């Protein structure tokens, strides 16, 4: 992350996977999450309390961005239902859980 731009590179040959330019300030570090039955994702929380989730193709995932603080969790919470959840807090200081 530099200058509100997210760049993802291959660890094998340093080739670029994708680049995404945020309209709003995004100074938080990207977070990596494992998903049940799908490829891993990359999450970024912006300074304006929006959460973005990117797939391996660099596209913003369906249902995102979502309002929430930059400290969030994405992944399974109940290993029996094979679902992924976004757990975050909003500016009303309530905890929200979204099922994906």
N, C-alpha and C. Protein backbone atom coordinates (compact mmCIF):
# COMPACT_ATOMS: atom_id res chain seq x y z
N UNK A 1 0.84 -1.17 0.00
CA UNK A 1 0.00 0.00 0.00
C UNK A 1 0.89 1.24 0.00
N UNK A 2 0.70 2.06 -0.99
CA UNK A 2 1.39 3.34 -1.06
C UNK A 2 0.54 4.29 -1.89
N UNK A 3 0.39 5.51 -1.40
CA UNK A 3 -0.39 6.52 -2.11
C UNK A 3 -1.80 6.05 -2.46
N UNK A 4 -2.45 5.38 -1.51
CA UNK A 4 -3.81 4.86 -1.69
C UNK A 4 -3.91 3.85 -2.83
N UNK A 5 -2.82 3.18 -3.13
CA UNK A 5 -2.80 2.19 -4.20
C UNK A 5 -2.36 0.84 -3.64
N UNK A 6 -3.13 -0.19 -3.97
CA UNK A 6 -2.82 -1.56 -3.57
C UNK A 6 -2.20 -2.26 -4.76
N UNK A 7 -1.01 -2.81 -4.60
CA UNK A 7 -0.34 -3.58 -5.64
C UNK A 7 -0.09 -4.99 -5.12
N UNK A 8 -0.45 -5.99 -5.88
CA UNK A 8 -0.21 -7.39 -5.50
C UNK A 8 0.75 -8.01 -6.51
N UNK A 9 1.79 -8.67 -6.00
CA UNK A 9 2.84 -9.24 -6.84
C UNK A 9 3.02 -10.73 -6.56
N UNK A 10 3.49 -11.44 -7.55
CA UNK A 10 3.81 -12.85 -7.41
C UNK A 10 5.07 -13.00 -6.56
N UNK A 11 5.06 -13.96 -5.66
CA UNK A 11 6.26 -14.22 -4.85
C UNK A 11 7.31 -15.00 -5.66
N UNK A 12 6.91 -15.61 -6.76
CA UNK A 12 7.84 -16.39 -7.59
C UNK A 12 8.74 -15.51 -8.45
N UNK A 13 8.11 -14.59 -9.18
CA UNK A 13 8.89 -13.82 -10.14
C UNK A 13 8.65 -12.31 -10.06
N UNK A 14 7.98 -11.86 -9.04
CA UNK A 14 7.69 -10.44 -8.80
C UNK A 14 6.83 -9.81 -9.89
N UNK A 15 6.16 -10.62 -10.70
CA UNK A 15 5.25 -10.05 -11.70
C UNK A 15 3.99 -9.54 -10.99
N UNK A 16 3.35 -8.56 -11.58
CA UNK A 16 2.18 -7.94 -10.99
C UNK A 16 0.93 -8.80 -11.18
N UNK A 17 0.22 -9.05 -10.08
CA UNK A 17 -1.08 -9.74 -10.17
C UNK A 17 -2.17 -8.73 -10.49
N UNK A 18 -2.23 -7.66 -9.70
CA UNK A 18 -3.22 -6.62 -9.93
C UNK A 18 -2.84 -5.36 -9.18
N UNK A 19 -3.53 -4.29 -9.55
CA UNK A 19 -3.34 -2.99 -8.92
C UNK A 19 -4.72 -2.38 -8.72
N UNK A 20 -4.95 -1.74 -7.57
CA UNK A 20 -6.24 -1.10 -7.31
C UNK A 20 -5.97 0.26 -6.67
N UNK A 21 -6.56 1.31 -7.23
CA UNK A 21 -6.41 2.67 -6.70
C UNK A 21 -7.68 3.04 -5.93
N UNK A 22 -7.51 3.30 -4.63
CA UNK A 22 -8.64 3.69 -3.79
C UNK A 22 -8.95 5.17 -4.01
N UNK A 23 -10.22 5.51 -4.05
CA UNK A 23 -10.65 6.90 -4.17
C UNK A 23 -10.42 7.62 -2.84
N UNK A 24 -10.65 6.91 -1.74
CA UNK A 24 -10.50 7.47 -0.40
C UNK A 24 -9.15 7.07 0.19
N UNK A 25 -8.77 7.70 1.28
CA UNK A 25 -7.51 7.39 1.93
C UNK A 25 -7.54 5.96 2.47
N UNK A 26 -6.47 5.23 2.20
CA UNK A 26 -6.34 3.85 2.67
C UNK A 26 -4.92 3.66 3.19
N UNK A 27 -4.72 3.89 4.46
CA UNK A 27 -3.38 3.79 5.03
C UNK A 27 -3.19 2.53 5.86
N UNK A 28 -4.22 1.67 5.93
CA UNK A 28 -4.14 0.43 6.72
C UNK A 28 -3.49 -0.68 5.91
N UNK A 29 -2.79 -1.55 6.61
CA UNK A 29 -2.16 -2.70 5.95
C UNK A 29 -3.20 -3.67 5.44
N UNK A 30 -2.95 -4.29 4.29
CA UNK A 30 -3.86 -5.33 3.80
C UNK A 30 -3.82 -6.54 4.73
N UNK A 31 -4.94 -7.24 4.81
CA UNK A 31 -5.06 -8.44 5.63
C UNK A 31 -5.38 -9.62 4.72
N UNK A 32 -4.79 -10.78 4.99
CA UNK A 32 -5.02 -11.98 4.20
C UNK A 32 -5.95 -12.92 4.95
N UNK A 33 -6.92 -13.49 4.24
CA UNK A 33 -7.88 -14.38 4.86
C UNK A 33 -8.06 -15.64 4.03
N UNK A 34 -8.21 -16.77 4.71
CA UNK A 34 -8.54 -18.05 4.07
C UNK A 34 -10.05 -18.18 4.05
N UNK A 35 -10.58 -18.71 2.94
CA UNK A 35 -12.01 -18.95 2.83
C UNK A 35 -12.26 -20.44 2.71
N UNK A 36 -13.40 -20.86 3.18
CA UNK A 36 -13.79 -22.26 3.07
C UNK A 36 -14.22 -22.53 1.62
N UNK A 37 -13.57 -23.49 0.99
CA UNK A 37 -13.95 -23.92 -0.35
C UNK A 37 -13.65 -22.95 -1.47
N UNK A 38 -12.91 -21.89 -1.20
CA UNK A 38 -12.60 -20.92 -2.25
C UNK A 38 -11.17 -20.44 -2.07
N UNK A 39 -10.69 -19.65 -3.04
CA UNK A 39 -9.33 -19.11 -2.94
C UNK A 39 -9.24 -18.06 -1.84
N UNK A 40 -8.02 -17.81 -1.40
CA UNK A 40 -7.79 -16.81 -0.36
C UNK A 40 -8.16 -15.42 -0.88
N UNK A 41 -8.42 -14.50 0.06
CA UNK A 41 -8.78 -13.14 -0.30
C UNK A 41 -7.91 -12.15 0.47
N UNK A 42 -7.91 -10.93 -0.02
CA UNK A 42 -7.16 -9.84 0.57
C UNK A 42 -8.15 -8.77 0.98
N UNK A 43 -8.08 -8.32 2.24
CA UNK A 43 -9.00 -7.30 2.73
C UNK A 43 -8.27 -6.03 3.09
N UNK A 44 -8.92 -4.89 2.84
CA UNK A 44 -8.35 -3.58 3.19
C UNK A 44 -9.47 -2.74 3.78
N UNK A 45 -9.18 -2.13 4.92
CA UNK A 45 -10.10 -1.17 5.53
C UNK A 45 -9.59 0.23 5.28
N UNK A 46 -10.42 1.09 4.74
CA UNK A 46 -9.99 2.45 4.43
C UNK A 46 -10.12 3.35 5.66
N UNK A 47 -9.52 4.53 5.58
CA UNK A 47 -9.59 5.50 6.67
C UNK A 47 -11.01 6.05 6.85
N UNK A 48 -11.85 5.92 5.82
CA UNK A 48 -13.24 6.39 5.88
C UNK A 48 -14.21 5.28 6.27
N UNK A 49 -13.69 4.24 6.90
CA UNK A 49 -14.49 3.13 7.43
C UNK A 49 -15.24 2.34 6.37
N UNK A 50 -14.54 2.00 5.29
CA UNK A 50 -15.09 1.10 4.29
C UNK A 50 -14.17 -0.11 4.19
N UNK A 51 -14.76 -1.29 4.08
CA UNK A 51 -14.01 -2.53 4.00
C UNK A 51 -14.12 -3.07 2.57
N UNK A 52 -12.97 -3.33 1.97
CA UNK A 52 -12.89 -3.89 0.63
C UNK A 52 -12.32 -5.30 0.72
N UNK A 53 -12.83 -6.20 -0.09
CA UNK A 53 -12.33 -7.57 -0.16
C UNK A 53 -12.02 -7.88 -1.62
N UNK A 54 -10.79 -8.33 -1.87
CA UNK A 54 -10.32 -8.61 -3.24
C UNK A 54 -10.07 -10.10 -3.42
N UNK A 55 -10.51 -10.63 -4.56
CA UNK A 55 -10.20 -12.00 -4.93
C UNK A 55 -8.84 -12.08 -5.58
N UNK A 56 -8.42 -13.27 -5.92
CA UNK A 56 -7.10 -13.45 -6.56
C UNK A 56 -7.02 -12.80 -7.94
N UNK A 57 -8.18 -12.49 -8.52
CA UNK A 57 -8.21 -11.81 -9.82
C UNK A 57 -8.10 -10.29 -9.69
N UNK A 58 -8.08 -9.79 -8.46
CA UNK A 58 -7.96 -8.36 -8.23
C UNK A 58 -9.27 -7.61 -8.24
N UNK A 59 -10.37 -8.30 -8.44
CA UNK A 59 -11.67 -7.65 -8.45
C UNK A 59 -12.23 -7.55 -7.04
N UNK A 60 -12.95 -6.46 -6.78
CA UNK A 60 -13.65 -6.31 -5.50
C UNK A 60 -14.76 -7.35 -5.49
N UNK A 61 -14.84 -8.12 -4.41
CA UNK A 61 -15.81 -9.21 -4.31
C UNK A 61 -17.24 -8.67 -4.21
N UNK A 62 -18.20 -9.49 -4.66
CA UNK A 62 -19.61 -9.12 -4.60
C UNK A 62 -20.00 -8.78 -3.16
N UNK A 63 -20.76 -7.71 -3.00
CA UNK A 63 -21.22 -7.28 -1.69
C UNK A 63 -20.30 -6.29 -1.00
N UNK A 64 -19.18 -5.97 -1.63
CA UNK A 64 -18.20 -5.05 -1.05
C UNK A 64 -18.07 -3.83 -1.95
N UNK A 65 -17.69 -2.69 -1.40
CA UNK A 65 -17.28 -2.44 -0.03
C UNK A 65 -18.47 -2.39 0.93
N UNK A 66 -18.14 -2.61 2.20
CA UNK A 66 -19.11 -2.56 3.30
C UNK A 66 -18.59 -1.58 4.33
N UNK A 67 -19.51 -0.83 4.93
CA UNK A 67 -19.12 0.10 5.98
C UNK A 67 -18.64 -0.67 7.20
N UNK A 68 -17.52 -0.26 7.79
CA UNK A 68 -17.01 -0.88 9.00
C UNK A 68 -15.60 -0.39 9.30
N UNK A 69 -15.21 -0.49 10.56
CA UNK A 69 -13.86 -0.09 10.95
C UNK A 69 -12.82 -0.99 10.29
N UNK A 70 -11.60 -0.51 10.23
CA UNK A 70 -10.54 -1.20 9.48
C UNK A 70 -10.04 -2.47 10.16
N UNK A 71 -10.34 -2.69 11.42
CA UNK A 71 -10.00 -3.95 12.10
C UNK A 71 -11.21 -4.87 11.99
N UNK A 72 -11.09 -5.91 11.17
CA UNK A 72 -12.22 -6.80 10.90
C UNK A 72 -11.71 -8.21 10.70
N UNK A 73 -12.64 -9.16 10.65
CA UNK A 73 -12.32 -10.56 10.40
C UNK A 73 -13.18 -11.04 9.25
N UNK A 74 -12.60 -11.89 8.39
CA UNK A 74 -13.37 -12.52 7.32
C UNK A 74 -12.97 -13.98 7.26
N UNK A 75 -13.93 -14.87 7.35
CA UNK A 75 -13.66 -16.30 7.28
C UNK A 75 -14.72 -17.09 8.03
N UNK A 76 -14.42 -18.35 8.30
CA UNK A 76 -15.40 -19.21 8.98
C UNK A 76 -15.50 -18.87 10.48
N UNK A 77 -16.70 -19.02 11.03
CA UNK A 77 -16.86 -18.94 12.48
C UNK A 77 -17.51 -20.21 13.01
N UNK A 78 -18.15 -20.95 12.12
CA UNK A 78 -18.73 -22.23 12.48
C UNK A 78 -18.31 -23.19 11.38
N UNK A 79 -17.39 -24.08 11.69
CA UNK A 79 -16.82 -24.94 10.65
C UNK A 79 -17.80 -25.97 10.11
N UNK A 80 -19.00 -26.06 10.68
CA UNK A 80 -19.98 -27.03 10.19
C UNK A 80 -20.85 -26.53 9.06
N UNK A 81 -20.93 -25.21 8.87
CA UNK A 81 -21.86 -24.71 7.85
C UNK A 81 -21.20 -24.28 6.54
N UNK A 82 -19.89 -24.39 6.44
CA UNK A 82 -19.15 -24.07 5.20
C UNK A 82 -19.42 -22.67 4.67
N UNK A 83 -19.65 -21.71 5.56
CA UNK A 83 -19.89 -20.32 5.15
C UNK A 83 -18.75 -19.44 5.65
N UNK A 84 -18.59 -18.32 4.99
CA UNK A 84 -17.63 -17.30 5.41
C UNK A 84 -18.40 -16.11 5.93
N UNK A 85 -17.83 -15.43 6.92
CA UNK A 85 -18.48 -14.30 7.56
C UNK A 85 -17.54 -13.11 7.60
N UNK A 86 -18.11 -11.92 7.51
CA UNK A 86 -17.39 -10.69 7.80
C UNK A 86 -17.89 -10.23 9.16
N UNK A 87 -16.96 -10.05 10.10
CA UNK A 87 -17.30 -9.54 11.42
C UNK A 87 -16.57 -8.21 11.59
N UNK A 88 -17.35 -7.18 11.87
CA UNK A 88 -16.77 -5.85 11.98
C UNK A 88 -17.60 -5.00 12.93
N UNK A 89 -17.09 -3.83 13.23
CA UNK A 89 -17.81 -2.88 14.05
C UNK A 89 -18.02 -1.61 13.22
N UNK A 90 -19.15 -0.97 13.42
CA UNK A 90 -19.44 0.29 12.73
C UNK A 90 -19.33 1.44 13.72
N UNK A 91 -19.56 2.66 13.23
CA UNK A 91 -19.38 3.82 14.08
C UNK A 91 -20.40 3.92 15.21
N UNK A 92 -21.44 3.09 15.20
CA UNK A 92 -22.37 3.04 16.34
C UNK A 92 -21.85 2.11 17.44
N UNK A 93 -20.64 1.55 17.23
CA UNK A 93 -19.94 0.66 18.17
C UNK A 93 -20.68 -0.64 18.43
N UNK A 94 -21.48 -1.07 17.47
CA UNK A 94 -22.12 -2.39 17.52
C UNK A 94 -21.32 -3.33 16.64
N UNK A 95 -21.31 -4.60 16.99
CA UNK A 95 -20.61 -5.61 16.19
C UNK A 95 -21.60 -6.20 15.19
N UNK A 96 -21.15 -6.30 13.94
CA UNK A 96 -21.98 -6.83 12.86
C UNK A 96 -21.33 -8.08 12.28
N UNK A 97 -22.16 -9.06 11.92
CA UNK A 97 -21.69 -10.28 11.27
C UNK A 97 -22.51 -10.49 10.00
N UNK A 98 -21.81 -10.52 8.86
CA UNK A 98 -22.45 -10.73 7.57
C UNK A 98 -22.03 -12.10 7.03
N UNK A 99 -23.00 -12.87 6.59
CA UNK A 99 -22.73 -14.21 6.05
C UNK A 99 -22.58 -14.12 4.54
N UNK A 100 -21.52 -14.74 4.02
CA UNK A 100 -21.27 -14.77 2.58
C UNK A 100 -21.19 -16.19 2.09
